Amino acid sequence: MTKTRQDLAWQELEIGATLITPGNSCEYKSGDWRSIRPVVDNKKCVRCGTCYIFCPDAAIHETEEGFFEADLYYCKGCGICANECPTQAIEMVEEEE
């Protein structure tokens, strides 16, 4: 089975293989760039949505229970959500292989 660009990790792309066209960013697994990821402690979370507001990649989503979690498909592990969380409910942890 042949992989499409969307199925490739960034390390597998050929140099110059990325097409730069308006609105195509959702096609790329930008979460593959990450070396750390956010983990939310729902016991500390007050569901304020500050992490959602400050996420530069729109990778934070609200769950059905009203808590927030990172979409690891797009999260780049910048840590802004953890830095801005007023209750320190988000911890940045090393990405596992």
PDB file of N, CA and C in Angstrom:
ATOM      1  N   MET A   1       0.842  -1.183   0.000  1.00  0.00           N
ATOM      2  CA  MET A   1       0.000   0.000   0.000  1.00  0.00           C
ATOM      3  C   MET A   1       0.887   1.246   0.000  1.00  0.00           C
ATOM      4  N   THR A   2       0.625   2.153  -0.892  1.00  0.00           N
ATOM      5  CA  THR A   2       1.398   3.386  -0.995  1.00  0.00           C
ATOM      6  C   THR A   2       0.884   4.404   0.017  1.00  0.00           C
ATOM      7  N   LYS A   3       1.814   5.034   0.710  1.00  0.00           N
ATOM      8  CA  LYS A   3       1.449   6.078   1.664  1.00  0.00           C
ATOM      9  C   LYS A   3       1.235   7.390   0.928  1.00  0.00           C
ATOM     10  N   THR A   4       0.233   8.153   1.377  1.00  0.00           N
ATOM     11  CA  THR A   4       0.044   9.503   0.854  1.00  0.00           C
ATOM     12  C   THR A   4       0.843  10.456   1.728  1.00  0.00           C
ATOM     13  N   ARG A   5       0.958  11.708   1.317  1.00  0.00           N
ATOM     14  CA  ARG A   5       1.677  12.705   2.117  1.00  0.00           C
ATOM     15  C   ARG A   5       1.116  12.791   3.521  1.00  0.00           C
ATOM     16  N   GLN A   6      -0.207  12.642   3.660  1.00  0.00           N
ATOM     17  CA  GLN A   6      -0.840  12.760   4.958  1.00  0.00           C
ATOM     18  C   GLN A   6      -0.427  11.626   5.893  1.00  0.00           C
ATOM     19  N   ASP A   7      -0.043  10.481   5.356  1.00  0.00           N
ATOM     20  CA  ASP A   7       0.320   9.328   6.170  1.00  0.00           C
ATOM     21  C   ASP A   7       1.792   9.313   6.566  1.00  0.00           C
ATOM     22  N   LEU A   8       2.581  10.189   5.985  1.00  0.00           N
ATOM     23  CA  LEU A   8       4.015  10.196   6.253  1.00  0.00           C
ATOM     24  C   LEU A   8       4.368  11.054   7.455  1.00  0.00           C
ATOM     25  N   ALA A   9       5.310  10.590   8.243  1.00  0.00           N
ATOM     26  CA  ALA A   9       5.869  11.428   9.301  1.00  0.00           C
ATOM     27  C   ALA A   9       6.772  12.452   8.625  1.00  0.00           C
ATOM     28  N   TRP A  10       7.074  13.542   9.293  1.00  0.00           N
ATOM     29  CA  TRP A  10       7.864  14.605   8.651  1.00  0.00           C
ATOM     30  C   TRP A  10       9.230  14.094   8.229  1.00  0.00           C
ATOM     31  N   GLN A  11       9.784  13.108   8.970  1.00  0.00           N
ATOM     32  CA  GLN A  11      11.109  12.591   8.631  1.00  0.00           C
ATOM     33  C   GLN A  11      11.089  11.817   7.306  1.00  0.00           C
ATOM     34  N   GLU A  12       9.922  11.339   6.897  1.00  0.00           N
ATOM     35  CA  GLU A  12       9.801  10.539   5.678  1.00  0.00           C
ATOM     36  C   GLU A  12       9.564  11.379   4.419  1.00  0.00           C
ATOM     37  N   LEU A  13       9.249  12.663   4.603  1.00  0.00           N
ATOM     38  CA  LEU A  13       8.995  13.519   3.438  1.00  0.00           C
ATOM     39  C   LEU A  13      10.294  13.827   2.704  1.00  0.00           C
ATOM     40  N   GLU A  14      10.215  13.863   1.403  1.00  0.00           N
ATOM     41  CA  GLU A  14      11.376  14.260   0.613  1.00  0.00           C
ATOM     42  C   GLU A  14      11.562  15.770   0.739  1.00  0.00           C
ATOM     43  N   ILE A  15      12.780  16.228   0.584  1.00  0.00           N
ATOM     44  CA  ILE A  15      13.039  17.665   0.631  1.00  0.00           C
ATOM     45  C   ILE A  15      12.242  18.321  -0.491  1.00  0.00           C
ATOM     46  N   GLY A  16      11.488  19.335  -0.141  1.00  0.00           N
ATOM     47  CA  GLY A  16      10.669  20.040  -1.121  1.00  0.00           C
ATOM     48  C   GLY A  16       9.362  19.338  -1.435  1.00  0.00           C
ATOM     49  N   ALA A  17       9.021  18.287  -0.694  1.00  0.00           N
ATOM     50  CA  ALA A  17       7.817  17.523  -1.003  1.00  0.00           C
ATOM     51  C   ALA A  17       6.550  18.142  -0.428  1.00  0.00           C
ATOM     52  N   THR A  18       6.687  19.098   0.455  1.00  0.00           N
ATOM     53  CA  THR A  18       5.524  19.709   1.068  1.00  0.00           C
ATOM     54  C   THR A  18       4.946  20.778   0.148  1.00  0.00           C
ATOM     55  N   LEU A  19       3.690  20.603  -0.197  1.00  0.00           N
ATOM     56  CA  LEU A  19       3.019  21.607  -1.021  1.00  0.00           C
ATOM     57  C   LEU A  19       2.516  22.720  -0.112  1.00  0.00           C
ATOM     58  N   ILE A  20       2.818  23.924  -0.446  1.00  0.00           N
ATOM     59  CA  ILE A  20       2.367  25.055   0.346  1.00  0.00           C
ATOM     60  C   ILE A  20       1.240  25.728  -0.417  1.00  0.00           C
ATOM     61  N   THR A  21       0.034  25.403   0.024  1.00  0.00           N
ATOM     62  CA  THR A  21      -1.156  26.005  -0.562  1.00  0.00           C
ATOM     63  C   THR A  21      -2.052  26.444   0.595  1.00  0.00           C
ATOM     64  N   PRO A  22      -2.865  27.445   0.399  1.00  0.00           N
ATOM     65  CA  PRO A  22      -3.720  27.933   1.473  1.00  0.00           C
ATOM     66  C   PRO A  22      -4.637  26.839   2.007  1.00  0.00           C
ATOM     67  N   GLY A  23      -4.699  26.725   3.340  1.00  0.00           N
ATOM     68  CA  GLY A  23      -5.639  25.812   3.976  1.00  0.00           C
ATOM     69  C   GLY A  23      -5.259  24.351   3.989  1.00  0.00           C
ATOM     70  N   ASN A  24      -3.998  24.017   3.716  1.00  0.00           N
ATOM     71  CA  ASN A  24      -3.651  22.599   3.683  1.00  0.00           C
ATOM     72  C   ASN A  24      -2.992  22.104   4.966  1.00  0.00           C
ATOM     73  N   SER A  25      -2.903  22.918   5.997  1.00  0.00           N
ATOM     74  CA  SER A  25      -2.191  22.509   7.209  1.00  0.00           C
ATOM     75  C   SER A  25      -2.851  21.326   7.908  1.00  0.00           C
ATOM     76  N   CYS A  26      -4.156  21.143   7.757  1.00  0.00           N
ATOM     77  CA  CYS A  26      -4.822  20.021   8.418  1.00  0.00           C
ATOM     78  C   CYS A  26      -4.411  18.688   7.797  1.00  0.00           C
ATOM     79  N   GLU A  27      -3.738  18.707   6.664  1.00  0.00           N
ATOM     80  CA  GLU A  27      -3.294  17.485   6.008  1.00  0.00           C
ATOM     81  C   GLU A  27      -2.031  16.902   6.622  1.00  0.00           C
ATOM     82  N   TYR A  28      -1.343  17.641   7.485  1.00  0.00           N
ATOM     83  CA  TYR A  28      -0.051  17.207   7.989  1.00  0.00           C
ATOM     84  C   TYR A  28      -0.107  16.881   9.477  1.00  0.00           C
ATOM     85  N   LYS A  29       0.510  15.772   9.847  1.00  0.00           N
ATOM     86  CA  LYS A  29       0.571  15.348  11.240  1.00  0.00           C
ATOM     87  C   LYS A  29       1.643  16.158  11.963  1.00  0.00           C
ATOM     88  N   SER A  30       1.330  17.375  12.306  1.00  0.00           N
ATOM     89  CA  SER A  30       2.321  18.232  12.950  1.00  0.00           C
ATOM     90  C   SER A  30       2.663  17.740  14.352  1.00  0.00           C
ATOM     91  N   GLY A  31       1.851  16.865  14.931  1.00  0.00           N
ATOM     92  CA  GLY A  31       2.154  16.297  16.224  1.00  0.00           C
ATOM     93  C   GLY A  31       3.368  15.390  16.211  1.00  0.00           C
ATOM     94  N   ASP A  32       3.781  14.939  15.030  1.00  0.00           N
ATOM     95  CA  ASP A  32       4.973  14.094  14.920  1.00  0.00           C
ATOM     96  C   ASP A  32       6.242  14.861  15.267  1.00  0.00           C
ATOM     97  N   TRP A  33       6.181  16.173  15.345  1.00  0.00           N
ATOM     98  CA  TRP A  33       7.356  16.998  15.641  1.00  0.00           C
ATOM     99  C   TRP A  33       7.657  17.028  17.133  1.00  0.00           C
ATOM    100  N   ARG A  34       6.718  16.579  17.928  1.00  0.00           N
ATOM    101  CA  ARG A  34       6.737  16.763  19.369  1.00  0.00           C
ATOM    102  C   ARG A  34       7.714  15.809  20.062  1.00  0.00           C
ATOM    103  N   SER A  35       8.373  16.296  21.131  1.00  0.00           N
ATOM    104  CA  SER A  35       9.202  15.430  21.973  1.00  0.00           C
ATOM    105  C   SER A  35       8.638  15.365  23.398  1.00  0.00           C
ATOM    106  N   ILE A  36       7.759  16.304  23.746  1.00  0.00           N
ATOM    107  CA  ILE A  36       7.031  16.260  25.007  1.00  0.00           C
ATOM    108  C   ILE A  36       5.555  16.498  24.705  1.00  0.00           C
ATOM    109  N   ARG A  37       4.688  16.021  25.602  1.00  0.00           N
ATOM    110  CA  ARG A  37       3.247  16.165  25.371  1.00  0.00           C
ATOM    111  C   ARG A  37       2.541  16.555  26.655  1.00  0.00           C
ATOM    112  N   PRO A  38       1.397  17.221  26.536  1.00  0.00           N
ATOM    113  CA  PRO A  38       0.648  17.623  27.724  1.00  0.00           C
ATOM    114  C   PRO A  38      -0.234  16.489  28.249  1.00  0.00           C
ATOM    115  N   VAL A  39      -0.252  16.346  29.568  1.00  0.00           N
ATOM    116  CA  VAL A  39      -1.150  15.396  30.228  1.00  0.00           C
ATOM    117  C   VAL A  39      -1.960  16.201  31.243  1.00  0.00           C
ATOM    118  N   VAL A  40      -3.278  16.107  31.148  1.00  0.00           N
ATOM    119  CA  VAL A  40      -4.171  16.880  32.017  1.00  0.00           C
ATOM    120  C   VAL A  40      -4.595  16.027  33.210  1.00  0.00           C
ATOM    121  N   ASP A  41      -4.460  16.592  34.405  1.00  0.00           N
ATOM    122  CA  ASP A  41      -4.945  15.963  35.628  1.00  0.00           C
ATOM    123  C   ASP A  41      -6.353  16.514  35.880  1.00  0.00           C
ATOM    124  N   ASN A  42      -7.374  15.707  35.592  1.00  0.00           N
ATOM    125  CA  ASN A  42      -8.754  16.177  35.713  1.00  0.00           C
ATOM    126  C   ASN A  42      -9.151  16.504  37.151  1.00  0.00           C
ATOM    127  N   LYS A  43      -8.402  16.011  38.141  1.00  0.00           N
ATOM    128  CA  LYS A  43      -8.697  16.338  39.541  1.00  0.00           C
ATOM    129  C   LYS A  43      -8.322  17.791  39.852  1.00  0.00           C
ATOM    130  N   LYS A  44      -7.326  18.315  39.142  1.00  0.00           N
ATOM    131  CA  LYS A  44      -6.906  19.711  39.337  1.00  0.00           C
ATOM    132  C   LYS A  44      -7.607  20.665  38.372  1.00  0.00           C
ATOM    133  N   CYS A  45      -8.079  20.143  37.262  1.00  0.00           N
ATOM    134  CA  CYS A  45      -8.682  20.972  36.207  1.00  0.00           C
ATOM    135  C   CYS A  45     -10.014  21.558  36.682  1.00  0.00           C
ATOM    136  N   VAL A  46     -10.162  22.873  36.500  1.00  0.00           N
ATOM    137  CA  VAL A  46     -11.412  23.553  36.863  1.00  0.00           C
ATOM    138  C   VAL A  46     -12.251  23.871  35.619  1.00  0.00           C
ATOM    139  N   ARG A  47     -11.843  23.329  34.483  1.00  0.00           N
ATOM    140  CA  ARG A  47     -12.579  23.457  33.208  1.00  0.00           C
ATOM    141  C   ARG A  47     -12.745  24.908  32.765  1.00  0.00           C
ATOM    142  N   CYS A  48     -11.701  25.694  32.976  1.00  0.00           N
ATOM    143  CA  CYS A  48     -11.778  27.120  32.635  1.00  0.00           C
ATOM    144  C   CYS A  48     -11.559  27.372  31.137  1.00  0.00           C
ATOM    145  N   GLY A  49     -10.881  26.456  30.461  1.00  0.00           N
ATOM    146  CA  GLY A  49     -10.649  26.611  29.026  1.00  0.00           C
ATOM    147  C   GLY A  49      -9.468  27.493  28.668  1.00  0.00           C
ATOM    148  N   THR A  50      -8.670  27.887  29.650  1.00  0.00           N
ATOM    149  CA  THR A  50      -7.514  28.730  29.365  1.00  0.00           C
ATOM    150  C   THR A  50      -6.549  28.018  28.410  1.00  0.00           C
ATOM    151  N   CYS A  51      -6.366  26.730  28.591  1.00  0.00           N
ATOM    152  CA  CYS A  51      -5.482  25.966  27.696  1.00  0.00           C
ATOM    153  C   CYS A  51      -5.999  26.013  26.260  1.00  0.00           C
ATOM    154  N   TYR A  52      -7.292  25.907  26.107  1.00  0.00           N
ATOM    155  CA  TYR A  52      -7.937  25.954  24.794  1.00  0.00           C
ATOM    156  C   TYR A  52      -7.708  27.314  24.131  1.00  0.00           C
ATOM    157  N   ILE A  53      -7.854  28.357  24.914  1.00  0.00           N
ATOM    158  CA  ILE A  53      -7.715  29.722  24.387  1.00  0.00           C
ATOM    159  C   ILE A  53      -6.286  30.009  23.932  1.00  0.00           C
ATOM    160  N   PHE A  54      -5.296  29.562  24.706  1.00  0.00           N
ATOM    161  CA  PHE A  54      -3.907  29.898  24.418  1.00  0.00           C
ATOM    162  C   PHE A  54      -3.203  28.956  23.452  1.00  0.00           C
ATOM    163  N   CYS A  55      -3.777  27.793  23.158  1.00  0.00           N
ATOM    164  CA  CYS A  55      -3.106  26.839  22.270  1.00  0.00           C
ATOM    165  C   CYS A  55      -2.931  27.445  20.879  1.00  0.00           C
ATOM    166  N   PRO A  56      -1.678  27.628  20.410  1.00  0.00           N
ATOM    167  CA  PRO A  56      -1.455  28.256  19.116  1.00  0.00           C
ATOM    168  C   PRO A  56      -1.796  27.362  17.929  1.00  0.00           C
ATOM    169  N   ASP A  57      -1.993  26.071  18.187  1.00  0.00           N
ATOM    170  CA  ASP A  57      -2.277  25.131  17.098  1.00  0.00           C
ATOM    171  C   ASP A  57      -3.718  24.644  17.091  1.00  0.00           C
ATOM    172  N   ALA A  58      -4.558  25.183  17.969  1.00  0.00           N
ATOM    173  CA  ALA A  58      -5.948  24.729  18.109  1.00  0.00           C
ATOM    174  C   ALA A  58      -5.993  23.222  18.310  1.00  0.00           C
ATOM    175  N   ALA A  59      -5.051  22.702  19.102  1.00  0.00           N
ATOM    176  CA  ALA A  59      -4.949  21.266  19.342  1.00  0.00           C
ATOM    177  C   ALA A  59      -5.625  20.841  20.643  1.00  0.00           C
ATOM    178  N   ILE A  60      -6.211  21.770  21.367  1.00  0.00           N
ATOM    179  CA  ILE A  60      -6.919  21.452  22.603  1.00  0.00           C
ATOM    180  C   ILE A  60      -8.410  21.396  22.299  1.00  0.00           C
ATOM    181  N   HIS A  61      -9.030  20.321  22.774  1.00  0.00           N
ATOM    182  CA  HIS A  61     -10.465  20.133  22.541  1.00  0.00           C
ATOM    183  C   HIS A  61     -11.170  19.809  23.845  1.00  0.00           C
ATOM    184  N   GLU A  62     -12.432  20.231  23.941  1.00  0.00           N
ATOM    185  CA  GLU A  62     -13.236  19.937  25.118  1.00  0.00           C
ATOM    186  C   GLU A  62     -13.843  18.546  24.986  1.00  0.00           C
ATOM    187  N   THR A  63     -13.790  17.769  26.073  1.00  0.00           N
ATOM    188  CA  THR A  63     -14.390  16.437  26.080  1.00  0.00           C
ATOM    189  C   THR A  63     -15.869  16.552  26.429  1.00  0.00           C
ATOM    190  N   GLU A  64     -16.591  15.454  26.333  1.00  0.00           N
ATOM    191  CA  GLU A  64     -18.019  15.461  26.676  1.00  0.00           C
ATOM    192  C   GLU A  64     -18.249  15.813  28.145  1.00  0.00           C
ATOM    193  N   GLU A  65     -17.259  15.506  28.991  1.00  0.00           N
ATOM    194  CA  GLU A  65     -17.370  15.811  30.423  1.00  0.00           C
ATOM    195  C   GLU A  65     -17.020  17.262  30.734  1.00  0.00           C
ATOM    196  N   GLY A  66     -16.581  18.025  29.750  1.00  0.00           N
ATOM    197  CA  GLY A  66     -16.247  19.432  29.959  1.00  0.00           C
ATOM    198  C   GLY A  66     -14.786  19.677  30.288  1.00  0.00           C
ATOM    199  N   PHE A  67     -13.987  18.609  30.326  1.00  0.00           N
ATOM    200  CA  PHE A  67     -12.552  18.767  30.538  1.00  0.00           C
ATOM    201  C   PHE A  67     -11.889  19.023  29.185  1.00  0.00           C
ATOM    202  N   PHE A  68     -10.610  19.282  29.216  1.00  0.00           N
ATOM    203  CA  PHE A  68      -9.882  19.570  27.980  1.00  0.00           C
ATOM    204  C   PHE A  68      -8.750  18.575  27.807  1.00  0.00           C
ATOM    205  N   GLU A  69      -8.480  18.228  26.554  1.00  0.00           N
ATOM    206  CA  GLU A  69      -7.381  17.322  26.242  1.00  0.00           C
ATOM    207  C   GLU A  69      -6.749  17.741  24.928  1.00  0.00           C
ATOM    208  N   ALA A  70      -5.498  17.349  24.762  1.00  0.00           N
ATOM    209  CA  ALA A  70      -4.765  17.704  23.547  1.00  0.00           C
ATOM    210  C   ALA A  70      -5.034  16.674  22.462  1.00  0.00           C
ATOM    211  N   ASP A  71      -5.216  17.148  21.253  1.00  0.00           N
ATOM    212  CA  ASP A  71      -5.286  16.285  20.082  1.00  0.00           C
ATOM    213  C   ASP A  71      -3.843  16.054  19.650  1.00  0.00           C
ATOM    214  N   LEU A  72      -3.297  14.890  19.974  1.00  0.00           N
ATOM    215  CA  LEU A  72      -1.885  14.620  19.739  1.00  0.00           C
ATOM    216  C   LEU A  72      -1.537  14.501  18.261  1.00  0.00           C
ATOM    217  N   TYR A  73      -2.534  14.478  17.405  1.00  0.00           N
ATOM    218  CA  TYR A  73      -2.305  14.493  15.961  1.00  0.00           C
ATOM    219  C   TYR A  73      -1.704  15.849  15.552  1.00  0.00           C
ATOM    220  N   TYR A  74      -2.115  16.918  16.248  1.00  0.00           N
ATOM    221  CA  TYR A  74      -1.669  18.272  15.905  1.00  0.00           C
ATOM    222  C   TYR A  74      -0.795  18.935  16.968  1.00  0.00           C
ATOM    223  N   CYS A  75      -0.869  18.499  18.213  1.00  0.00           N
ATOM    224  CA  CYS A  75      -0.101  19.132  19.292  1.00  0.00           C
ATOM    225  C   CYS A  75       1.391  19.000  19.036  1.00  0.00           C
ATOM    226  N   LYS A  76       2.104  20.135  19.080  1.00  0.00           N
ATOM    227  CA  LYS A  76       3.548  20.146  18.835  1.00  0.00           C
ATOM    228  C   LYS A  76       4.356  20.125  20.131  1.00  0.00           C
ATOM    229  N   GLY A  77       3.680  20.112  21.278  1.00  0.00           N
ATOM    230  CA  GLY A  77       4.377  20.027  22.559  1.00  0.00           C
ATOM    231  C   GLY A  77       5.055  21.309  22.980  1.00  0.00           C
ATOM    232  N   CYS A  78       4.491  22.443  22.623  1.00  0.00           N
ATOM    233  CA  CYS A  78       5.120  23.728  22.946  1.00  0.00           C
ATOM    234  C   CYS A  78       5.062  24.052  24.433  1.00  0.00           C
ATOM    235  N   GLY A  79       4.065  23.510  25.157  1.00  0.00           N
ATOM    236  CA  GLY A  79       3.952  23.736  26.590  1.00  0.00           C
ATOM    237  C   GLY A  79       3.230  25.003  26.991  1.00  0.00           C
ATOM    238  N   ILE A  80       2.711  25.746  26.038  1.00  0.00           N
ATOM    239  CA  ILE A  80       1.996  26.979  26.377  1.00  0.00           C
ATOM    240  C   ILE A  80       0.774  26.663  27.232  1.00  0.00           C
ATOM    241  N   CYS A  81       0.073  25.583  26.929  1.00  0.00           N
ATOM    242  CA  CYS A  81      -1.110  25.214  27.710  1.00  0.00           C
ATOM    243  C   CYS A  81      -0.742  24.998  29.177  1.00  0.00           C
ATOM    244  N   ALA A  82       0.348  24.281  29.425  1.00  0.00           N
ATOM    245  CA  ALA A  82       0.797  24.013  30.797  1.00  0.00           C
ATOM    246  C   ALA A  82       1.244  25.300  31.490  1.00  0.00           C
ATOM    247  N   ASN A  83       1.903  26.161  30.758  1.00  0.00           N
ATOM    248  CA  ASN A  83       2.376  27.425  31.316  1.00  0.00           C
ATOM    249  C   ASN A  83       1.215  28.339  31.707  1.00  0.00           C
ATOM    250  N   GLU A  84       0.150  28.339  30.924  1.00  0.00           N
ATOM    251  CA  GLU A  84      -0.981  29.245  31.161  1.00  0.00           C
ATOM    252  C   GLU A  84      -2.039  28.682  32.098  1.00  0.00           C
ATOM    253  N   CYS A  85      -2.007  27.379  32.383  1.00  0.00           N
ATOM    254  CA  CYS A  85      -3.024  26.760  33.239  1.00  0.00           C
ATOM    255  C   CYS A  85      -2.956  27.347  34.646  1.00  0.00           C
ATOM    256  N   PRO A  86      -4.044  27.968  35.120  1.00  0.00           N
ATOM    257  CA  PRO A  86      -4.007  28.628  36.431  1.00  0.00           C
ATOM    258  C   PRO A  86      -3.939  27.658  37.610  1.00  0.00           C
ATOM    259  N   THR A  87      -4.282  26.385  37.414  1.00  0.00           N
ATOM    260  CA  THR A  87      -4.256  25.416  38.517  1.00  0.00           C
ATOM    261  C   THR A  87      -3.133  24.386  38.365  1.00  0.00           C
ATOM    262  N   GLN A  88      -2.262  24.580  37.394  1.00  0.00           N
ATOM    263  CA  GLN A  88      -1.160  23.642  37.114  1.00  0.00           C
ATOM    264  C   GLN A  88      -1.685  22.216  36.928  1.00  0.00           C
ATOM    265  N   ALA A  89      -2.816  22.093  36.224  1.00  0.00           N
ATOM    266  CA  ALA A  89      -3.423  20.789  35.960  1.00  0.00           C
ATOM    267  C   ALA A  89      -2.780  20.091  34.770  1.00  0.00           C
ATOM    268  N   ILE A  90      -1.925  20.795  34.045  1.00  0.00           N
ATOM    269  CA  ILE A  90      -1.300  20.213  32.854  1.00  0.00           C
ATOM    270  C   ILE A  90       0.184  20.041  33.104  1.00  0.00           C
ATOM    271  N   GLU A  91       0.643  18.828  32.899  1.00  0.00           N
ATOM    272  CA  GLU A  91       2.059  18.510  33.043  1.00  0.00           C
ATOM    273  C   GLU A  91       2.600  18.102  31.679  1.00  0.00           C
ATOM    274  N   MET A  92       3.755  18.614  31.335  1.00  0.00           N
ATOM    275  CA  MET A  92       4.412  18.224  30.089  1.00  0.00           C
ATOM    276  C   MET A  92       5.311  17.024  30.399  1.00  0.00           C
ATOM    277  N   VAL A  93       5.067  15.920  29.695  1.00  0.00           N
ATOM    278  CA  VAL A  93       5.834  14.692  29.933  1.00  0.00           C
ATOM    279  C   VAL A  93       6.580  14.292  28.659  1.00  0.00           C
ATOM    280  N   GLU A  94       7.670  13.579  28.828  1.00  0.00           N
ATOM    281  CA  GLU A  94       8.457  13.104  27.685  1.00  0.00           C
ATOM    282  C   GLU A  94       7.605  12.196  26.807  1.00  0.00           C
ATOM    283  N   GLU A  95       7.729  12.357  25.525  1.00  0.00           N
ATOM    284  CA  GLU A  95       7.033  11.510  24.571  1.00  0.00           C
ATOM    285  C   GLU A  95       7.647  10.117  24.616  1.00  0.00           C
ATOM    286  N   GLU A  96       6.814   9.101  24.543  1.00  0.00           N
ATOM    287  CA  GLU A  96       7.296   7.727  24.536  1.00  0.00           C
ATOM    288  C   GLU A  96       7.511   7.260  23.113  1.00  0.00           C
ATOM    289  N   GLU A  97       8.458   6.377  22.926  1.00  0.00           N
ATOM    290  CA  GLU A  97       8.757   5.839  21.581  1.00  0.00           C
ATOM    291  C   GLU A  97       7.629   4.974  21.098  1.00  0.00           C
TER     292      GLU A  97
END
